Protein backbone atom coordinates (compact mmCIF):
# COMPACT_ATOMS: atom_id res chain seq x y z
CA MET A 1 -17.83 -15.40 24.29
CA LYS A 2 -14.61 -13.31 24.77
CA ARG A 3 -12.70 -17.40 24.88
CA THR A 4 -14.83 -18.63 22.01
CA ILE A 5 -13.52 -16.01 19.87
CA PHE A 6 -9.75 -16.20 20.63
CA LEU A 7 -10.08 -20.16 20.78
CA PHE A 8 -11.33 -20.04 17.48
CA VAL A 9 -8.53 -17.40 16.27
CA VAL A 10 -5.75 -19.90 17.39
CA ALA A 11 -7.77 -23.05 15.98
CA LEU A 12 -7.84 -21.26 12.35
CA PHE A 13 -4.04 -20.22 12.71
CA LEU A 14 -3.00 -23.39 13.58
CA PHE A 15 -5.11 -25.02 10.83
CA THR A 16 -3.87 -23.04 8.54
CA VAL A 17 -0.18 -23.30 9.42
CA ASN A 18 -0.56 -27.22 9.05
CA THR A 19 -2.78 -26.95 5.57
CA GLU A 20 -1.35 -24.08 3.60
CA ALA A 21 2.54 -25.16 3.19
CA GLN A 22 2.69 -26.81 0.35
CA ARG A 23 0.89 -24.11 -1.98
CA LYS A 24 2.73 -22.59 -4.92
CA MET A 25 3.19 -19.01 -5.13
CA ASN A 26 1.43 -16.65 -8.11
CA ASN A 27 2.78 -14.23 -9.59
CA LEU A 28 2.19 -11.11 -7.36
CA SER A 29 4.51 -12.72 -5.34
CA SER A 30 7.65 -11.63 -7.67
CA ALA A 31 5.99 -8.36 -8.60
CA PRO A 32 7.95 -5.18 -8.40
CA GLY A 33 7.84 -3.70 -4.48
CA ALA A 34 6.94 -6.70 -3.01
CA PHE A 35 8.56 -5.42 0.28
CA SER A 36 6.60 -2.24 0.66
CA ARG A 37 3.26 -5.03 0.44
CA MET A 38 4.62 -7.48 3.43
CA GLY A 39 2.49 -4.93 6.06
CA PHE A 40 3.76 -2.35 8.66
CA GLY A 41 4.53 -2.99 12.29
CA ALA A 42 3.43 -5.61 14.58
CA ARG A 43 -0.26 -3.86 14.80
CA GLY A 44 -0.50 -4.20 11.20
CA ILE A 45 0.80 -7.12 10.55
CA GLY A 46 -0.37 -9.17 13.44
CA MET A 47 -4.35 -8.19 12.58
CA GLY A 48 -3.81 -10.24 9.05
CA ASN A 49 -3.06 -6.38 7.20
CA ALA A 50 -6.79 -5.92 7.40
CA ILE A 51 -6.71 -2.13 9.48
CA SER A 52 -7.16 0.04 6.75
CA ALA A 53 -10.50 0.99 8.80
CA VAL A 54 -9.82 0.70 12.23
CA LYS A 55 -10.02 4.37 13.89
CA SER A 56 -8.34 3.43 17.15
CA GLY A 57 -5.38 2.76 19.00
CA ASN A 58 -1.92 3.32 17.40
CA ILE A 59 -2.38 4.82 13.55
CA TYR A 60 -0.80 3.34 10.79
CA THR A 61 -1.27 5.50 7.47
CA TYR A 62 0.45 3.32 5.68
CA TYR A 63 -2.63 1.42 5.15
CA ASN A 64 -4.82 4.72 4.89
CA PRO A 65 -3.51 7.69 4.48
CA ALA A 66 -6.87 9.08 5.85
CA LEU A 67 -6.48 7.31 9.10
CA ALA A 68 -4.27 10.35 10.25
CA VAL A 69 -6.96 12.52 11.76
CA PHE A 70 -7.73 9.92 14.13
CA GLN A 71 -4.62 9.32 15.83
CA ASN A 72 -4.10 11.09 19.85
CA ASP A 73 -1.62 13.05 20.24
CA ASN A 74 1.53 12.58 18.69
CA ALA A 75 2.78 8.89 17.87
CA PHE A 76 6.33 7.54 17.03
CA ASN A 77 6.48 3.79 16.14
CA ALA A 78 9.99 2.05 15.33
CA GLN A 79 9.95 -1.43 14.81
CA TYR A 80 12.49 -4.67 13.91
CA THR A 81 11.37 -7.86 12.03
CA PHE A 82 13.25 -10.93 12.12
CA LEU A 83 13.46 -12.79 9.09
CA GLY A 84 15.71 -15.75 7.50
CA LEU A 85 17.70 -16.01 4.66
CA ASP A 86 19.70 -12.81 5.75
CA ARG A 87 16.63 -10.31 4.96
CA SER A 88 16.07 -7.51 6.91
CA LEU A 89 12.71 -5.15 7.58
CA ASN A 90 12.26 -2.09 9.18
CA PHE A 91 9.69 0.19 10.07
CA ILE A 92 9.88 3.99 11.09
CA SER A 93 6.77 6.14 11.60
CA PHE A 94 5.33 9.21 12.81
CA THR A 95 1.99 10.48 13.05
CA ARG A 96 0.47 13.85 14.33
CA ARG A 97 -3.63 15.48 14.18
CA PHE A 98 -3.86 18.80 13.91
CA ASP A 99 -7.82 20.23 15.15
CA PHE A 100 -8.98 23.62 14.31
CA TYR A 101 -11.20 25.76 16.25
CA SER A 102 -13.37 28.80 15.25
CA ASP A 103 -12.22 32.07 17.03
CA LYS A 104 -16.51 32.42 17.91
CA ASP A 105 -15.98 29.39 20.44
CA THR A 106 -15.53 31.73 23.52
CA ILE A 107 -16.19 28.59 26.02
CA LEU A 108 -13.52 26.39 26.05
CA SER A 109 -15.16 23.62 28.02
CA GLU A 110 -17.97 23.74 25.02
CA ARG A 111 -15.44 24.07 21.79
CA LYS A 112 -15.58 21.90 19.12
CA PRO A 113 -13.13 21.47 16.15
CA ARG A 114 -14.34 22.96 13.09
CA SER A 115 -11.91 20.77 11.15
CA THR A 116 -9.21 17.96 12.13
CA ALA A 117 -6.23 17.68 10.00
CA GLY A 118 -3.30 15.29 10.70
CA VAL A 119 0.27 14.56 9.07
CA SER A 120 1.72 11.44 9.26
CA PHE A 121 5.47 10.40 7.72
CA GLY A 122 7.71 7.06 7.76
CA LEU A 123 10.01 4.72 6.54
CA ILE A 124 10.10 1.15 5.28
CA ASN A 125 13.55 -0.48 4.63
CA ALA A 126 14.02 -4.03 3.52
CA GLY A 127 17.56 -5.56 2.23
CA VAL A 128 19.39 -8.55 1.71
CA SER A 129 23.20 -9.14 3.30
CA ASN A 130 25.69 -11.68 2.85
CA ILE A 131 25.01 -12.69 -1.12
CA ASP A 132 28.25 -14.39 -2.70
CA GLN A 133 29.76 -12.18 -5.52
CA ARG A 134 31.88 -14.24 -7.45
CA ASP A 135 33.43 -13.93 -10.84
CA ASN A 136 33.60 -15.66 -14.31
CA GLN A 137 35.28 -18.32 -13.08
CA GLY A 138 32.97 -18.89 -10.38
CA PHE A 139 35.93 -17.88 -7.38
CA LYS A 140 34.29 -15.64 -4.37
CA LYS A 141 35.35 -12.28 -4.13
CA GLY A 142 33.47 -11.13 -1.38
CA THR A 143 29.92 -10.34 -0.34
CA ILE A 144 27.47 -7.82 -1.48
CA SER A 145 23.53 -6.60 -0.02
CA THR A 146 20.63 -4.96 -1.70
CA SER A 147 18.89 -1.94 0.06
CA GLU A 148 14.75 -1.50 -0.95
CA ASN A 149 13.25 1.57 0.49
CA MET A 150 10.02 3.25 0.77
CA PHE A 151 9.70 6.79 2.30
CA TYR A 152 6.02 7.91 2.82
CA LEU A 153 4.45 11.33 3.47
CA SER A 154 0.81 11.44 4.40
CA PHE A 155 -1.85 14.53 4.31
CA ALA A 156 -5.63 14.21 5.84
CA ASN A 157 -8.60 16.40 6.53
CA LYS A 158 -11.52 15.85 8.22
CA PHE A 159 -14.44 17.06 6.28
CA SER A 160 -17.32 16.48 8.58
CA GLU A 161 -18.01 13.72 11.10
CA LYS A 162 -18.61 11.17 8.56
CA ILE A 163 -16.43 11.60 5.90
CA SER A 164 -12.71 11.96 5.94
CA LEU A 165 -9.67 11.99 2.94
CA GLY A 166 -6.30 11.51 2.81
CA VAL A 167 -3.46 11.53 0.01
CA THR A 168 0.04 9.31 0.62
CA ALA A 169 3.18 10.31 -1.60
CA ARG A 170 5.47 7.29 -1.78
CA PHE A 171 9.10 7.67 -2.46
CA TYR A 172 11.11 4.47 -3.14
CA TYR A 173 14.82 4.26 -3.70
CA TYR A 174 16.49 0.99 -4.36
CA LYS A 175 20.05 -0.14 -5.13
CA LEU A 176 20.74 -3.33 -6.43
CA TYR A 177 24.20 -3.18 -7.18
CA GLU A 178 26.89 -0.79 -6.83
CA ASP A 179 25.95 1.99 -10.02
CA VAL A 180 22.59 -0.13 -10.65
CA THR A 181 20.02 1.88 -8.77
CA THR A 182 16.45 3.31 -9.60
CA THR A 183 14.06 5.84 -8.00
CA GLY A 184 10.33 6.01 -8.09
CA LEU A 185 7.28 7.96 -7.13
CA GLY A 186 3.64 6.67 -6.25
CA PHE A 187 0.60 7.78 -4.95
CA ASP A 188 -2.10 6.63 -2.31
CA LEU A 189 -5.46 7.95 -2.02
CA GLY A 190 -7.92 7.29 0.93
CA ALA A 191 -11.18 7.94 2.43
CA ILE A 192 -12.99 6.59 5.44
CA TYR A 193 -16.96 7.08 6.19
CA THR A 194 -18.01 6.48 9.47
CA ILE A 195 -21.29 4.68 9.75
CA THR A 196 -21.55 4.81 13.65
CA PRO A 197 -18.84 5.33 16.27
CA ASP A 198 -18.29 1.73 16.18
CA LEU A 199 -18.67 1.26 12.48
CA ALA A 200 -16.60 2.50 9.57
CA VAL A 201 -15.57 1.76 6.12
CA SER A 202 -12.98 2.47 3.83
CA LEU A 203 -11.57 2.73 0.27
CA VAL A 204 -7.86 3.03 -0.73
CA LEU A 205 -6.32 3.25 -4.11
CA SER A 206 -2.55 1.92 -3.28
CA ASP A 207 0.45 2.64 -5.56
CA ILE A 208 -0.77 4.92 -8.19
CA ASN A 209 2.22 5.00 -10.74
CA SER A 210 4.66 3.42 -8.79
CA LYS A 211 7.38 2.19 -10.74
CA TYR A 212 10.95 1.02 -10.97
CA ASP A 213 13.23 2.26 -14.19
CA TRP A 214 16.27 0.19 -14.69
CA ASP A 215 19.46 1.10 -16.68
CA SER A 216 22.11 -1.86 -17.12
CA ALA A 217 24.42 0.49 -19.35
CA PRO A 218 26.58 1.15 -16.14
CA ILE A 219 27.74 -2.23 -15.32
CA TYR A 220 27.08 -3.81 -19.72
CA GLY A 221 27.90 -0.70 -21.60
CA GLN A 222 26.81 -0.80 -24.90
CA GLU A 223 25.34 -4.21 -24.01
CA GLY A 224 23.33 -2.55 -21.50
CA GLY A 225 19.02 -1.99 -21.31
CA ALA A 226 16.57 0.56 -19.96
CA THR A 227 13.99 -1.41 -18.22
CA THR A 228 10.92 -0.41 -17.17
CA ASN A 229 8.64 -2.41 -13.75
CA ASN A 230 5.48 -0.95 -13.08
CA PHE A 231 4.16 -1.62 -9.59
CA PRO A 232 0.77 -3.66 -9.04
CA LEU A 233 -2.07 -1.23 -8.57
CA PHE A 234 -4.06 -1.94 -5.36
CA LYS A 235 -7.92 -0.75 -4.78
CA LYS A 236 -8.82 -2.11 -1.36
CA LEU A 237 -12.22 -1.89 0.51
CA GLY A 238 -11.91 -2.46 4.11
CA VAL A 239 -14.62 -2.60 7.03
CA SER A 240 -14.03 -1.99 10.98
CA TYR A 241 -16.70 -2.82 13.67
CA TYR A 242 -15.72 -2.22 17.64
CA LEU A 243 -17.45 -4.44 19.90
CA LYS A 244 -17.65 -2.21 22.95
CA PRO A 245 -19.35 -4.49 25.55
CA TYR A 246 -16.24 -7.38 24.70
CA ASN A 247 -13.72 -5.01 24.39
CA LEU A 248 -12.94 -6.34 20.68
CA GLN A 249 -12.06 -4.58 17.38
CA LEU A 250 -13.03 -6.40 14.20
CA ALA A 251 -11.05 -5.65 10.92
CA GLY A 252 -11.73 -6.93 7.35
CA GLU A 253 -10.50 -5.89 3.93
CA VAL A 254 -10.57 -7.10 0.34
CA ALA A 255 -8.02 -6.23 -1.94
CA PHE A 256 -8.12 -6.09 -5.90
CA ASP A 257 -5.12 -5.81 -8.09
CA ASN A 258 -4.55 -5.10 -11.95
CA TYR A 259 -2.44 -8.56 -12.23
CA GLY A 260 -6.48 -9.77 -12.13
CA SER A 261 -5.96 -11.15 -8.15
CA SER A 262 -8.52 -10.71 -5.42
CA ILE A 263 -7.48 -10.90 -1.99
CA PHE A 264 -9.50 -11.15 1.21
CA ARG A 265 -7.44 -10.37 4.86
CA PHE A 266 -9.27 -10.36 8.11
CA GLY A 267 -8.49 -9.55 11.89
CA ALA A 268 -9.12 -8.83 15.29
CA GLU A 269 -7.72 -7.15 18.62
CA TYR A 270 -9.35 -7.74 21.99
CA GLY A 271 -8.21 -5.88 25.14
CA LEU A 272 -7.53 -8.16 27.96
CA TYR A 273 -6.44 -5.50 30.68
CA GLU A 274 -6.01 -1.84 30.96
CA GLY A 275 -3.17 -1.41 28.12
CA LEU A 276 -2.71 -4.89 27.37
CA PHE A 277 -4.08 -5.95 24.03
CA VAL A 278 -3.58 -9.93 21.93
CA ARG A 279 -4.63 -9.99 18.36
CA GLY A 280 -4.91 -12.64 15.51
CA GLY A 281 -5.44 -12.50 11.73
CA ILE A 282 -5.26 -13.88 8.24
CA ASP A 283 -3.78 -12.36 5.26
CA ASN A 284 -3.33 -13.58 1.58
CA ILE A 285 -6.86 -15.77 1.16
CA PHE A 286 -6.93 -15.51 -2.71
CA LEU A 287 -10.26 -15.60 -3.74
CA ASN A 288 -9.52 -16.22 -7.66
CA ASN A 289 -6.24 -16.12 -9.86
CA GLY A 290 -3.94 -16.87 -6.81
CA ASP A 291 -2.48 -19.91 -5.12
CA GLU A 292 0.04 -18.12 -2.79
CA PRO A 293 0.16 -19.41 0.89
CA ILE A 294 -1.94 -18.03 3.26
CA LYS A 295 -0.54 -16.01 6.15
CA PRO A 296 -1.56 -16.62 9.70
CA SER A 297 -0.35 -13.93 12.51
CA LEU A 298 -0.65 -13.30 16.45
CA GLY A 299 0.88 -10.80 18.22
CA PHE A 300 -0.10 -8.77 21.65
CA SER A 301 0.70 -5.12 22.88
CA TYR A 302 1.65 -3.69 26.55
CA SER A 303 1.68 0.34 26.98
CA ARG A 304 1.99 2.15 30.47
CA ILE A 305 2.34 5.97 31.45
CA VAL A 306 5.65 6.70 32.24
CA GLY A 307 5.93 10.03 32.80
CA SER A 308 3.65 12.63 30.53
CA LEU A 309 4.73 9.58 28.02
CA THR A 310 2.91 6.31 26.89
CA VAL A 311 5.35 3.91 26.23
CA GLY A 312 4.05 0.22 24.62
CA VAL A 313 5.67 -2.68 23.19
CA ASP A 314 4.39 -4.99 20.19
CA TYR A 315 5.42 -8.25 18.98
CA ALA A 316 3.74 -9.88 16.48
CA PHE A 317 4.58 -13.76 14.50
CA GLN A 318 3.60 -14.41 11.24
CA VAL A 319 4.19 -17.64 9.33
CA GLU A 320 5.81 -17.58 6.05
CA GLN A 321 6.30 -20.86 4.46
CA TYR A 322 9.36 -20.57 1.96
CA SER A 323 12.04 -19.20 4.61
CA THR A 324 14.40 -20.98 7.06
CA GLY A 325 11.84 -18.94 9.84
CA HIS A 326 9.14 -17.38 10.27
CA ARG A 327 8.57 -14.06 10.57
CA HIS A 328 8.65 -11.71 14.35
CA ILE A 329 7.96 -8.27 14.44
CA ILE A 330 9.11 -6.32 17.78
CA GLY A 331 8.22 -2.78 17.88
CA LEU A 332 8.62 0.53 20.51
CA ASN A 333 5.54 2.94 20.54
CA ILE A 334 5.79 6.45 21.88
CA ILE A 335 2.70 8.54 23.08
CA PHE A 336 3.23 12.02 23.46
């Protein structure tokens, strides 16, 4: 069973690499904030960005703010992505859970949290460097770069054994060129309903009110103008199921945006040995109104206990058809 599932994921990965390379991109690819929709970290991207309902392992509240209450201990993650075309993409996050007990519980071994809360914050940094800067005559003046950033802060609360709710504030900062910069503020709302200990569903509203307000007057003076670019608003429904006999985590998600697109994504994570996991997934399966390439991915993670810390490394590979190379994500995880 384990071998069959693993071979199926690999075969599907190779099939999509060979058959999807010539498809065209849709309007969603050029919408504002594209960098913030590429995913977060090697685990998320390696599982096809379908982990909004996955409650175990390393938690990334980028996918769902309600996940913060399921993080064990304190978790720090730092990840770097190798991209073509002089682009960069980096991730940093920290997540912590808080358990609150009743004063009436006098026997420590029998104490159960009366409520559980979680907090998480993180940063996504993206940019393009080595861009040629030329004058009106076409002569090169030097090189310039762009920088696009999203800082998020998430809060969550577990109201019962079944229901967890969370909210994320997303702060955007984009430096396009010298004095041409913009900021934005958006919000995510997330919920998780635990049906059984191994089965959960999630609902997320992402990038509520997110937008960029531009003003080109600092460069063009009176000929400049103001422009507003609204981010796509996503509604996501996810599900996760843990096959305990096989140590296999399955996840799926369908996302709807206000551009009229419906996207399906799924992923799996299999525990080979203690601390060693392999994973795979497929993102960007457009169900309608889209013709962007499917994005398959594969990855692994390994962790071990070092003193009082649990230190792990992550890696993921994701196909990127319209680039000089594919995406390689490496990361460091520390649980303390």
